[in-house]
Structure formats: C-alpha cells, structure tokens
Amino acid sequence: MNSFVIADPGLCIGCHTCEVACVSAHSADNMFLQQEENPDFYPRLRVMETEQVTAPVQCRQCEDAPCANVCPNGSITNLGSSISINQDTCIGCKTCMLVCPFGAIAMVPEFRGGQKQLQPGLRSNATGVLARKERLVASKCDLCEESGSGPACVQICPTHALQLVVPDDVSMDTAAKRAASAQTLQQFGGLIRF
C-alpha cells in the first residue's frame, strides 16, 4: 500500500502555509529571491475554499493509479511508496490530469536553473511573431520523497490539519476496528444459533 497525506477540514484554517512549504521543498532556488515577472510558484497541493469547507487537496497515491494507467509513455510509475511523475519524459498530453478523480494533477511550466524551459520544436504565433513555446509538464504531490524527511506540508501545518498515513498505521487502525466489531457482535452471539 502507498502512503498518502490526508487533510482534516475541521482543523484547516486556509492559511496556505502548506502550499508555500511545498514550493519551498521542491525548488532549487530561494523562492523569495525570484524575479517577479518569472515566478516559479507551483505547489503540488491546492487549498480549496468553499462556503462550507477549507482543505488542501493533493494526490492520494492511488494503488491502481488511473494517471499511471493512462500515461502513454510510462512517465508515471510507483516509486517507493508513492506515485511519481518523471517530468523529464512527460510529454504534457494532460491525459493524467483528466482521469485523476481528485483533481490533484496540474500542468506547470518546467523550470531548470530558475528558468522556464522551452520546447525545442514547437513554436507559437500568439504575439504575431513565431517564438518557441514553453514546455508544460504534469505535476503532483510526491510526498517529498527526495527530501527523506517526509512531506513538508505535514511538518509545517500550524493546526496539524494534515496527516501522513503510512501502511502500518492503516493496518493497526483496521485491526482495531475489527476488534471493536467483534466486541459488538459478541452481544448478539445468541442470534447465530437461529
């Protein structure tokens, strides 16, 4: 089973600190020193706010991941305990974004060395002059696998609204629920004799 991060909407205050922590964890450059006209601020989770609820939404690291099943060139794979997108081989077809049941995948410009990457062949005529078009790639939560210290969003959340769920926790919780069910059934033990 893959690990995943889940939010408690009852605790989320919509402060967007998780988004800032996400960008900071995945950026090679200091996000506070970026040029205003070329910001690299693309969090891998999004705080959703409605009249009734506020909570960050991010990849649930599905076991039978629809995004991986439809990726035409195998750029989405199960890496460690999460579903990972190889942005170097992503062709930006958006198929993964369309099939994600949680809306957790976004298309973002590819950055290297603080610069947006351009496509080598495709050109755009949007301004009346043919110019190379920026390269867009799929992006989603990767549980901060490369950091080795766990998801930055979970660590920084001031209200502890985010929780990393690991397979062992789920197994222990499931075992506790089964034990509670067995205790409940015990009071109806006489019904089995019918």
N, C-alpha and C. Protein backbone atom coordinates (compact mmCIF):
# COMPACT_ATOMS: atom_id res chain seq x y z
N MET A 1 0.84 -1.18 0.00
CA MET A 1 0.00 0.00 0.00
C MET A 1 0.89 1.25 0.00
N ASN A 2 0.46 2.24 -0.75
CA ASN A 2 1.19 3.51 -0.79
C ASN A 2 0.80 4.39 0.40
N SER A 3 1.73 5.19 0.85
CA SER A 3 1.43 6.20 1.85
C SER A 3 0.70 7.35 1.17
N PHE A 4 0.04 8.18 1.95
CA PHE A 4 -0.63 9.36 1.39
C PHE A 4 -0.85 10.39 2.50
N VAL A 5 -1.12 11.61 2.09
CA VAL A 5 -1.41 12.70 3.02
C VAL A 5 -2.89 13.01 2.92
N ILE A 6 -3.52 13.15 4.07
CA ILE A 6 -4.95 13.49 4.10
C ILE A 6 -5.15 14.69 5.02
N ALA A 7 -6.15 15.50 4.68
CA ALA A 7 -6.41 16.72 5.44
C ALA A 7 -7.68 16.58 6.26
N ASP A 8 -7.68 17.20 7.42
CA ASP A 8 -8.88 17.28 8.26
C ASP A 8 -9.47 18.67 8.06
N PRO A 9 -10.58 18.77 7.32
CA PRO A 9 -11.16 20.09 7.06
C PRO A 9 -11.63 20.79 8.33
N GLY A 10 -11.85 20.05 9.39
CA GLY A 10 -12.25 20.65 10.65
C GLY A 10 -11.13 21.43 11.32
N LEU A 11 -9.89 21.13 10.94
CA LEU A 11 -8.74 21.82 11.52
C LEU A 11 -8.12 22.85 10.58
N CYS A 12 -8.34 22.72 9.28
CA CYS A 12 -7.71 23.62 8.30
C CYS A 12 -8.28 25.04 8.44
N ILE A 13 -7.39 26.02 8.49
CA ILE A 13 -7.81 27.42 8.59
C ILE A 13 -7.58 28.17 7.28
N GLY A 14 -7.14 27.44 6.23
CA GLY A 14 -6.96 28.05 4.92
C GLY A 14 -5.82 29.04 4.84
N CYS A 15 -4.76 28.82 5.59
CA CYS A 15 -3.66 29.79 5.64
C CYS A 15 -2.68 29.65 4.47
N HIS A 16 -2.77 28.57 3.71
CA HIS A 16 -1.93 28.31 2.54
C HIS A 16 -0.45 28.08 2.89
N THR A 17 -0.14 27.91 4.16
CA THR A 17 1.23 27.63 4.56
C THR A 17 1.73 26.33 3.93
N CYS A 18 0.86 25.37 3.77
CA CYS A 18 1.23 24.09 3.16
C CYS A 18 1.68 24.29 1.71
N GLU A 19 1.03 25.20 0.98
CA GLU A 19 1.42 25.46 -0.40
C GLU A 19 2.82 26.08 -0.46
N VAL A 20 3.08 27.02 0.43
CA VAL A 20 4.40 27.66 0.46
C VAL A 20 5.48 26.64 0.82
N ALA A 21 5.19 25.79 1.80
CA ALA A 21 6.16 24.76 2.20
C ALA A 21 6.42 23.79 1.05
N CYS A 22 5.38 23.47 0.29
CA CYS A 22 5.53 22.56 -0.85
C CYS A 22 6.44 23.17 -1.91
N VAL A 23 6.20 24.41 -2.25
CA VAL A 23 7.03 25.08 -3.26
C VAL A 23 8.47 25.18 -2.78
N SER A 24 8.65 25.54 -1.53
CA SER A 24 9.99 25.67 -0.98
C SER A 24 10.72 24.32 -0.99
N ALA A 25 10.00 23.24 -0.69
CA ALA A 25 10.62 21.92 -0.64
C ALA A 25 11.04 21.42 -2.03
N HIS A 26 10.36 21.88 -3.07
CA HIS A 26 10.64 21.38 -4.41
C HIS A 26 11.40 22.36 -5.29
N SER A 27 11.80 23.49 -4.74
CA SER A 27 12.50 24.49 -5.54
C SER A 27 13.99 24.48 -5.21
N ALA A 28 14.79 24.47 -6.24
CA ALA A 28 16.24 24.52 -6.03
C ALA A 28 16.68 25.93 -5.68
N ASP A 29 15.88 26.91 -6.05
CA ASP A 29 16.21 28.31 -5.80
C ASP A 29 15.38 28.84 -4.63
N ASN A 30 15.87 29.89 -4.01
CA ASN A 30 15.14 30.55 -2.94
C ASN A 30 13.94 31.26 -3.54
N MET A 31 12.73 30.83 -3.16
CA MET A 31 11.53 31.38 -3.76
C MET A 31 11.34 32.86 -3.43
N PHE A 32 11.96 33.35 -2.38
CA PHE A 32 11.80 34.74 -2.01
C PHE A 32 12.74 35.66 -2.78
N LEU A 33 13.67 35.07 -3.55
CA LEU A 33 14.60 35.87 -4.35
C LEU A 33 14.30 35.79 -5.83
N GLN A 34 13.16 35.22 -6.20
CA GLN A 34 12.81 35.08 -7.61
C GLN A 34 12.40 36.43 -8.20
N GLN A 35 12.57 36.54 -9.52
CA GLN A 35 12.13 37.73 -10.21
C GLN A 35 10.61 37.72 -10.30
N GLU A 36 9.99 38.88 -10.07
CA GLU A 36 8.54 38.95 -10.04
C GLU A 36 7.90 38.58 -11.37
N GLU A 37 8.56 38.85 -12.48
CA GLU A 37 7.95 38.57 -13.77
C GLU A 37 8.07 37.10 -14.18
N ASN A 38 8.83 36.33 -13.45
CA ASN A 38 9.03 34.94 -13.82
C ASN A 38 8.99 34.04 -12.58
N PRO A 39 7.88 34.09 -11.81
CA PRO A 39 7.84 33.32 -10.57
C PRO A 39 7.71 31.82 -10.82
N ASP A 40 8.32 31.06 -9.96
CA ASP A 40 8.21 29.60 -10.00
C ASP A 40 7.44 29.19 -8.75
N PHE A 41 6.15 29.45 -8.72
CA PHE A 41 5.33 29.12 -7.56
C PHE A 41 4.21 28.18 -8.00
N TYR A 42 4.50 26.90 -7.98
CA TYR A 42 3.54 25.89 -8.41
C TYR A 42 3.48 24.79 -7.35
N PRO A 43 2.67 25.00 -6.29
CA PRO A 43 2.56 23.96 -5.26
C PRO A 43 1.94 22.69 -5.81
N ARG A 44 2.30 21.58 -5.22
CA ARG A 44 1.80 20.29 -5.65
C ARG A 44 0.55 19.87 -4.88
N LEU A 45 -0.01 20.78 -4.12
CA LEU A 45 -1.31 20.62 -3.48
C LEU A 45 -1.99 21.97 -3.57
N ARG A 46 -3.30 21.98 -3.48
CA ARG A 46 -4.05 23.23 -3.57
C ARG A 46 -5.05 23.31 -2.44
N VAL A 47 -5.06 24.44 -1.75
CA VAL A 47 -6.06 24.68 -0.72
C VAL A 47 -7.34 25.09 -1.42
N MET A 48 -8.38 24.32 -1.20
CA MET A 48 -9.68 24.60 -1.79
C MET A 48 -10.57 25.23 -0.73
N GLU A 49 -11.23 26.30 -1.11
CA GLU A 49 -12.10 27.00 -0.18
C GLU A 49 -13.49 27.12 -0.78
N THR A 50 -14.48 26.64 -0.05
CA THR A 50 -15.87 26.83 -0.43
C THR A 50 -16.57 27.50 0.76
N GLU A 51 -17.85 27.72 0.64
CA GLU A 51 -18.58 28.32 1.77
C GLU A 51 -18.64 27.39 2.96
N GLN A 52 -18.56 26.08 2.69
CA GLN A 52 -18.70 25.11 3.78
C GLN A 52 -17.38 24.53 4.29
N VAL A 53 -16.35 24.52 3.46
CA VAL A 53 -15.14 23.80 3.84
C VAL A 53 -13.89 24.44 3.26
N THR A 54 -12.80 24.27 3.99
CA THR A 54 -11.48 24.67 3.53
C THR A 54 -10.53 23.53 3.83
N ALA A 55 -9.82 23.07 2.79
CA ALA A 55 -8.88 21.97 3.00
C ALA A 55 -7.96 21.85 1.79
N PRO A 56 -6.70 21.49 2.05
CA PRO A 56 -5.81 21.22 0.92
C PRO A 56 -6.18 19.90 0.26
N VAL A 57 -6.07 19.87 -1.06
CA VAL A 57 -6.34 18.66 -1.83
C VAL A 57 -5.07 18.29 -2.56
N GLN A 58 -4.71 17.04 -2.48
CA GLN A 58 -3.50 16.57 -3.13
C GLN A 58 -3.63 15.11 -3.52
N CYS A 59 -2.63 14.62 -4.20
CA CYS A 59 -2.62 13.24 -4.71
C CYS A 59 -2.82 12.26 -3.57
N ARG A 60 -3.65 11.24 -3.80
CA ARG A 60 -3.88 10.20 -2.80
C ARG A 60 -3.03 8.97 -3.05
N GLN A 61 -2.11 9.07 -4.01
CA GLN A 61 -1.17 7.97 -4.29
C GLN A 61 -1.95 6.67 -4.50
N CYS A 62 -2.93 6.68 -5.39
CA CYS A 62 -3.82 5.53 -5.63
C CYS A 62 -3.05 4.24 -5.90
N GLU A 63 -3.57 3.14 -5.39
CA GLU A 63 -2.93 1.84 -5.62
C GLU A 63 -3.04 1.43 -7.08
N ASP A 64 -4.23 1.58 -7.65
CA ASP A 64 -4.43 1.30 -9.07
C ASP A 64 -4.56 2.67 -9.74
N ALA A 65 -3.46 3.39 -9.81
CA ALA A 65 -3.45 4.79 -10.19
C ALA A 65 -3.94 5.01 -11.62
N PRO A 66 -5.10 5.67 -11.77
CA PRO A 66 -5.59 5.94 -13.13
C PRO A 66 -4.60 6.76 -13.96
N CYS A 67 -3.90 7.67 -13.31
CA CYS A 67 -2.94 8.51 -14.04
C CYS A 67 -1.83 7.66 -14.65
N ALA A 68 -1.34 6.69 -13.90
CA ALA A 68 -0.27 5.82 -14.41
C ALA A 68 -0.82 4.89 -15.49
N ASN A 69 -2.07 4.46 -15.31
CA ASN A 69 -2.66 3.52 -16.29
C ASN A 69 -2.86 4.16 -17.66
N VAL A 70 -3.07 5.48 -17.70
CA VAL A 70 -3.33 6.11 -18.99
C VAL A 70 -2.11 6.83 -19.58
N CYS A 71 -1.05 6.95 -18.82
CA CYS A 71 0.13 7.65 -19.33
C CYS A 71 0.66 6.92 -20.57
N PRO A 72 0.71 7.59 -21.70
CA PRO A 72 1.06 6.88 -22.95
C PRO A 72 2.53 6.49 -23.08
N ASN A 73 3.39 7.09 -22.27
CA ASN A 73 4.81 6.75 -22.43
C ASN A 73 5.48 6.29 -21.13
N GLY A 74 4.69 5.91 -20.14
CA GLY A 74 5.24 5.35 -18.92
C GLY A 74 5.98 6.35 -18.04
N SER A 75 5.59 7.61 -18.11
CA SER A 75 6.26 8.63 -17.28
C SER A 75 5.76 8.63 -15.84
N ILE A 76 4.67 7.92 -15.56
CA ILE A 76 4.13 7.86 -14.20
C ILE A 76 4.30 6.44 -13.69
N THR A 77 5.02 6.31 -12.58
CA THR A 77 5.32 4.98 -12.04
C THR A 77 5.17 4.99 -10.52
N ASN A 78 5.14 3.80 -9.95
CA ASN A 78 5.13 3.65 -8.50
C ASN A 78 6.57 3.64 -8.04
N LEU A 79 6.97 4.67 -7.32
CA LEU A 79 8.35 4.82 -6.88
C LEU A 79 8.37 4.82 -5.36
N GLY A 80 8.95 3.80 -4.76
CA GLY A 80 8.96 3.72 -3.30
C GLY A 80 7.55 3.50 -2.80
N SER A 81 7.03 4.45 -2.03
CA SER A 81 5.67 4.32 -1.51
C SER A 81 4.75 5.40 -2.06
N SER A 82 5.08 5.91 -3.26
CA SER A 82 4.23 6.93 -3.87
C SER A 82 4.22 6.77 -5.38
N ILE A 83 3.27 7.47 -5.99
CA ILE A 83 3.18 7.51 -7.45
C ILE A 83 3.99 8.72 -7.91
N SER A 84 4.89 8.50 -8.84
CA SER A 84 5.84 9.55 -9.24
C SER A 84 5.71 9.88 -10.73
N ILE A 85 5.88 11.16 -11.05
CA ILE A 85 5.88 11.61 -12.43
C ILE A 85 7.31 11.95 -12.83
N ASN A 86 7.79 11.36 -13.89
CA ASN A 86 9.11 11.71 -14.43
C ASN A 86 8.90 12.89 -15.38
N GLN A 87 9.19 14.09 -14.89
CA GLN A 87 8.94 15.29 -15.71
C GLN A 87 9.91 15.40 -16.88
N ASP A 88 11.02 14.70 -16.84
CA ASP A 88 11.95 14.73 -17.97
C ASP A 88 11.36 14.03 -19.20
N THR A 89 10.53 13.00 -18.96
CA THR A 89 9.96 12.26 -20.09
C THR A 89 8.49 12.60 -20.34
N CYS A 90 7.86 13.37 -19.43
CA CYS A 90 6.45 13.78 -19.59
C CYS A 90 6.32 14.59 -20.88
N ILE A 91 5.29 14.25 -21.67
CA ILE A 91 5.07 14.96 -22.94
C ILE A 91 3.96 16.01 -22.82
N GLY A 92 3.39 16.16 -21.62
CA GLY A 92 2.38 17.20 -21.41
C GLY A 92 1.07 16.94 -22.10
N CYS A 93 0.68 15.68 -22.26
CA CYS A 93 -0.55 15.36 -23.01
C CYS A 93 -1.82 15.60 -22.20
N LYS A 94 -1.70 15.77 -20.89
CA LYS A 94 -2.81 16.10 -19.98
C LYS A 94 -3.77 14.95 -19.71
N THR A 95 -3.49 13.77 -20.24
CA THR A 95 -4.39 12.64 -20.02
C THR A 95 -4.47 12.29 -18.54
N CYS A 96 -3.35 12.32 -17.83
CA CYS A 96 -3.34 12.01 -16.39
C CYS A 96 -4.19 13.01 -15.62
N MET A 97 -4.13 14.27 -16.02
CA MET A 97 -4.90 15.32 -15.36
C MET A 97 -6.40 15.07 -15.52
N LEU A 98 -6.79 14.61 -16.69
CA LEU A 98 -8.21 14.38 -16.97
C LEU A 98 -8.79 13.21 -16.18
N VAL A 99 -7.98 12.17 -15.94
CA VAL A 99 -8.52 10.97 -15.28
C VAL A 99 -8.36 10.98 -13.77
N CYS A 100 -7.60 11.90 -13.22
CA CYS A 100 -7.40 11.92 -11.76
C CYS A 100 -8.73 12.22 -11.07
N PRO A 101 -9.23 11.32 -10.20
CA PRO A 101 -10.53 11.55 -9.56
C PRO A 101 -10.52 12.66 -8.52
N PHE A 102 -9.35 13.11 -8.10
CA PHE A 102 -9.26 14.14 -7.06
C PHE A 102 -8.86 15.51 -7.62
N GLY A 103 -8.55 15.59 -8.90
CA GLY A 103 -8.09 16.86 -9.46
C GLY A 103 -6.74 17.25 -8.91
N ALA A 104 -5.92 16.26 -8.62
CA ALA A 104 -4.65 16.52 -7.93
C ALA A 104 -3.48 16.77 -8.87
N ILE A 105 -3.68 16.64 -10.16
CA ILE A 105 -2.58 16.83 -11.12
C ILE A 105 -2.80 18.15 -11.87
N ALA A 106 -1.74 18.91 -12.00
CA ALA A 106 -1.79 20.18 -12.73
C ALA A 106 -0.68 20.21 -13.78
N MET A 107 -0.89 21.00 -14.80
CA MET A 107 0.16 21.21 -15.80
C MET A 107 0.88 22.50 -15.41
N VAL A 108 2.21 22.41 -15.31
CA VAL A 108 3.01 23.56 -14.87
C VAL A 108 4.19 23.73 -15.82
N PRO A 109 4.71 24.95 -15.92
CA PRO A 109 5.92 25.14 -16.72
C PRO A 109 7.09 24.38 -16.10
N GLU A 110 7.94 23.83 -16.94
CA GLU A 110 9.13 23.16 -16.44
C GLU A 110 10.21 24.21 -16.20
N PHE A 111 10.81 24.17 -15.01
CA PHE A 111 11.89 25.09 -14.65
C PHE A 111 13.18 24.31 -14.48
N ARG A 112 14.26 24.88 -14.95
CA ARG A 112 15.61 24.36 -14.66
C ARG A 112 16.52 25.55 -14.43
N GLY A 113 17.22 25.52 -13.33
CA GLY A 113 18.12 26.64 -13.02
C GLY A 113 17.38 27.95 -12.90
N GLY A 114 16.12 27.91 -12.45
CA GLY A 114 15.34 29.13 -12.29
C GLY A 114 14.76 29.67 -13.58
N GLN A 115 14.95 28.96 -14.68
CA GLN A 115 14.45 29.43 -15.98
C GLN A 115 13.39 28.47 -16.53
N LYS A 116 12.34 29.05 -17.12
CA LYS A 116 11.35 28.22 -17.80
C LYS A 116 12.01 27.56 -18.99
N GLN A 117 11.66 26.31 -19.19
CA GLN A 117 12.20 25.57 -20.33
C GLN A 117 11.28 25.72 -21.54
N LEU A 118 11.87 25.81 -22.71
CA LEU A 118 11.11 25.96 -23.94
C LEU A 118 11.16 24.65 -24.71
N GLN A 119 10.12 24.43 -25.52
CA GLN A 119 10.10 23.22 -26.34
C GLN A 119 11.07 23.40 -27.50
N PRO A 120 11.80 22.35 -27.83
CA PRO A 120 12.79 22.50 -28.88
C PRO A 120 12.18 22.67 -30.28
N GLY A 121 11.00 22.09 -30.53
CA GLY A 121 10.47 22.14 -31.89
C GLY A 121 9.24 22.99 -32.07
N LEU A 122 8.33 23.00 -31.09
CA LEU A 122 7.05 23.68 -31.25
C LEU A 122 7.20 25.18 -31.08
N ARG A 123 6.60 25.91 -31.98
CA ARG A 123 6.65 27.37 -31.91
C ARG A 123 5.22 27.91 -31.83
N SER A 124 5.07 29.09 -31.22
CA SER A 124 3.78 29.73 -31.06
C SER A 124 3.78 31.05 -31.82
N ASN A 125 2.61 31.43 -32.34
CA ASN A 125 2.47 32.68 -33.05
C ASN A 125 1.51 33.60 -32.31
N ALA A 126 1.43 33.45 -30.98
CA ALA A 126 0.46 34.19 -30.18
C ALA A 126 0.69 35.70 -30.21
N THR A 127 1.90 36.16 -30.35
CA THR A 127 2.18 37.60 -30.34
C THR A 127 2.42 38.15 -31.75
N GLY A 128 2.15 37.34 -32.76
CA GLY A 128 2.39 37.79 -34.12
C GLY A 128 3.79 37.49 -34.61
N VAL A 129 4.60 36.98 -33.72
CA VAL A 129 5.97 36.60 -34.07
C VAL A 129 6.18 35.16 -33.64
N LEU A 130 6.71 34.35 -34.51
CA LEU A 130 6.98 32.96 -34.15
C LEU A 130 8.02 32.91 -33.05
N ALA A 131 7.65 32.22 -31.96
CA ALA A 131 8.57 32.08 -30.82
C ALA A 131 8.42 30.69 -30.24
N ARG A 132 9.48 30.21 -29.63
CA ARG A 132 9.42 28.89 -29.02
C ARG A 132 8.41 28.91 -27.87
N LYS A 133 7.67 27.83 -27.74
CA LYS A 133 6.62 27.72 -26.74
C LYS A 133 7.19 27.08 -25.47
N GLU A 134 6.71 27.54 -24.28
CA GLU A 134 7.22 26.95 -23.04
C GLU A 134 6.75 25.51 -22.90
N ARG A 135 7.57 24.74 -22.24
CA ARG A 135 7.28 23.32 -22.04
C ARG A 135 6.47 23.16 -20.76
N LEU A 136 5.30 22.51 -20.87
CA LEU A 136 4.46 22.22 -19.72
C LEU A 136 4.55 20.74 -19.39
N VAL A 137 4.60 20.44 -18.10
CA VAL A 137 4.67 19.06 -17.65
C VAL A 137 3.68 18.83 -16.52
N ALA A 138 3.33 17.57 -16.30
CA ALA A 138 2.41 17.22 -15.22
C ALA A 138 3.13 17.34 -13.87
N SER A 139 2.37 17.76 -12.87
CA SER A 139 2.94 17.93 -11.53
C SER A 139 1.91 17.51 -10.49
N LYS A 140 2.39 16.82 -9.45
CA LYS A 140 1.52 16.42 -8.36
C LYS A 140 2.36 16.10 -7.13
N CYS A 141 1.72 15.87 -6.01
CA CYS A 141 2.41 15.54 -4.76
C CYS A 141 3.24 14.26 -4.93
N ASP A 142 4.48 14.33 -4.45
CA ASP A 142 5.35 13.15 -4.46
C ASP A 142 5.76 12.76 -3.04
N LEU A 143 5.05 13.27 -2.06
CA LEU A 143 5.33 13.02 -0.64
C LEU A 143 6.73 13.48 -0.24
N CYS A 144 7.31 14.39 -1.01
CA CYS A 144 8.66 14.91 -0.74
C CYS A 144 9.65 13.75 -0.60
N GLU A 145 9.50 12.75 -1.49
CA GLU A 145 10.34 11.54 -1.42
C GLU A 145 11.82 11.86 -1.42
N GLU A 146 12.23 12.86 -2.18
CA GLU A 146 13.66 13.17 -2.29
C GLU A 146 14.23 13.81 -1.03
N SER A 147 13.37 14.42 -0.21
CA SER A 147 13.89 15.09 0.99
C SER A 147 14.32 14.09 2.06
N GLY A 148 13.67 12.95 2.10
CA GLY A 148 13.99 11.96 3.11
C GLY A 148 13.44 12.27 4.49
N SER A 149 12.78 13.41 4.64
CA SER A 149 12.24 13.78 5.96
C SER A 149 10.73 13.87 5.96
N GLY A 150 10.08 13.40 4.90
CA GLY A 150 8.62 13.39 4.86
C GLY A 150 8.06 14.65 4.25
N PRO A 151 6.74 14.65 4.05
CA PRO A 151 6.09 15.79 3.40
C PRO A 151 6.25 17.10 4.18
N ALA A 152 6.71 18.12 3.49
CA ALA A 152 6.91 19.43 4.11
C ALA A 152 5.59 20.03 4.58
N CYS A 153 4.51 19.77 3.84
CA CYS A 153 3.21 20.33 4.20
C CYS A 153 2.75 19.83 5.57
N VAL A 154 2.99 18.56 5.85
CA VAL A 154 2.58 17.97 7.13
C VAL A 154 3.40 18.58 8.26
N GLN A 155 4.70 18.77 8.01
CA GLN A 155 5.59 19.30 9.04
C GLN A 155 5.27 20.74 9.40
N ILE A 156 4.81 21.54 8.42
CA ILE A 156 4.65 22.98 8.64
C ILE A 156 3.24 23.39 9.07
N CYS A 157 2.26 22.54 8.85
CA CYS A 157 0.86 22.93 9.11
C CYS A 157 0.70 23.39 10.57
N PRO A 158 0.29 24.65 10.79
CA PRO A 158 0.22 25.18 12.15
C PRO A 158 -0.91 24.59 12.99
N THR A 159 -1.92 23.99 12.33
CA THR A 159 -3.05 23.43 13.10
C THR A 159 -3.05 21.90 13.06
N HIS A 160 -2.02 21.31 12.46
CA HIS A 160 -1.92 19.84 12.34
C HIS A 160 -3.12 19.25 11.59
N ALA A 161 -3.57 20.00 10.58
CA ALA A 161 -4.70 19.53 9.78
C ALA A 161 -4.29 18.45 8.78
N LEU A 162 -3.00 18.37 8.49
CA LEU A 162 -2.52 17.37 7.53
C LEU A 162 -1.85 16.22 8.27
N GLN A 163 -2.08 15.03 7.76
CA GLN A 163 -1.51 13.84 8.39
C GLN A 163 -0.99 12.90 7.31
N LEU A 164 0.23 12.41 7.51
CA LEU A 164 0.78 11.39 6.63
C LEU A 164 0.28 10.04 7.11
N VAL A 165 -0.39 9.33 6.22
CA VAL A 165 -0.91 8.00 6.55
C VAL A 165 0.01 6.97 5.91
N VAL A 166 0.60 6.12 6.73
CA VAL A 166 1.51 5.09 6.23
C VAL A 166 0.83 3.73 6.38
N PRO A 167 1.24 2.75 5.57
CA PRO A 167 0.55 1.45 5.57
C PRO A 167 0.44 0.81 6.95
N ASP A 168 1.47 0.88 7.79
CA ASP A 168 1.40 0.27 9.11
C ASP A 168 0.30 0.89 9.97
N ASP A 169 0.12 2.22 9.85
CA ASP A 169 -0.95 2.89 10.60
C ASP A 169 -2.31 2.38 10.17
N VAL A 170 -2.49 2.20 8.86
CA VAL A 170 -3.77 1.72 8.34
C VAL A 170 -4.03 0.31 8.84
N SER A 171 -3.00 -0.54 8.84
CA SER A 171 -3.18 -1.92 9.30
C SER A 171 -3.57 -1.96 10.77
N MET A 172 -2.93 -1.14 11.59
CA MET A 172 -3.26 -1.11 13.02
C MET A 172 -4.66 -0.58 13.24
N ASP A 173 -5.05 0.45 12.49
CA ASP A 173 -6.39 1.02 12.63
C ASP A 173 -7.44 0.01 12.19
N THR A 174 -7.17 -0.69 11.10
CA THR A 174 -8.11 -1.70 10.62
C THR A 174 -8.26 -2.83 11.64
N ALA A 175 -7.16 -3.27 12.22
CA ALA A 175 -7.21 -4.33 13.23
C ALA A 175 -8.02 -3.87 14.44
N ALA A 176 -7.86 -2.61 14.84
CA ALA A 176 -8.62 -2.09 15.98
C ALA A 176 -10.12 -2.04 15.67
N LYS A 177 -10.45 -1.65 14.44
CA LYS A 177 -11.87 -1.61 14.04
C LYS A 177 -12.46 -3.01 14.02
N ARG A 178 -11.69 -3.99 13.55
CA ARG A 178 -12.18 -5.38 13.52
C ARG A 178 -12.40 -5.90 14.94
N ALA A 179 -11.49 -5.57 15.84
CA ALA A 179 -11.65 -6.00 17.23
C ALA A 179 -12.90 -5.37 17.84
N ALA A 180 -13.13 -4.10 17.54
CA ALA A 180 -14.33 -3.42 18.06
C ALA A 180 -15.59 -4.06 17.48
N SER A 181 -15.55 -4.44 16.19
CA SER A 181 -16.70 -5.11 15.58
C SER A 181 -16.96 -6.45 16.23
N ALA A 182 -15.90 -7.19 16.53
CA ALA A 182 -16.05 -8.49 17.19
C ALA A 182 -16.68 -8.31 18.57
N GLN A 183 -16.26 -7.27 19.29
CA GLN A 183 -16.84 -6.99 20.61
C GLN A 183 -18.33 -6.67 20.48
N THR A 184 -18.67 -5.89 19.44
CA THR A 184 -20.08 -5.55 19.22
C THR A 184 -20.89 -6.79 18.88
N LEU A 185 -20.34 -7.67 18.07
CA LEU A 185 -21.05 -8.89 17.67
C LEU A 185 -21.26 -9.84 18.85
N GLN A 186 -20.37 -9.74 19.83
CA GLN A 186 -20.45 -10.64 20.97
C GLN A 186 -21.81 -10.50 21.70
N GLN A 187 -22.33 -9.26 21.76
CA GLN A 187 -23.61 -9.07 22.43
C GLN A 187 -24.78 -9.68 21.65
N PHE A 188 -24.55 -9.98 20.37
CA PHE A 188 -25.59 -10.63 19.57
C PHE A 188 -25.28 -12.11 19.34
N GLY A 189 -24.38 -12.65 20.12
CA GLY A 189 -23.91 -14.03 19.94
C GLY A 189 -25.03 -15.03 19.89
N GLY A 190 -26.11 -14.83 20.61
CA GLY A 190 -27.21 -15.77 20.60
C GLY A 190 -27.93 -15.84 19.27
N LEU A 191 -27.82 -14.81 18.44
CA LEU A 191 -28.53 -14.83 17.16
C LEU A 191 -27.93 -15.85 16.20
N ILE A 192 -26.69 -16.22 16.40
CA ILE A 192 -26.05 -17.15 15.48
C ILE A 192 -26.70 -18.53 15.56
N ARG A 193 -27.33 -18.84 16.67
CA ARG A 193 -27.93 -20.18 16.85
C ARG A 193 -29.22 -20.35 16.06
N PHE A 194 -29.79 -19.30 15.51
CA PHE A 194 -31.05 -19.44 14.74
C PHE A 194 -30.87 -20.24 13.49
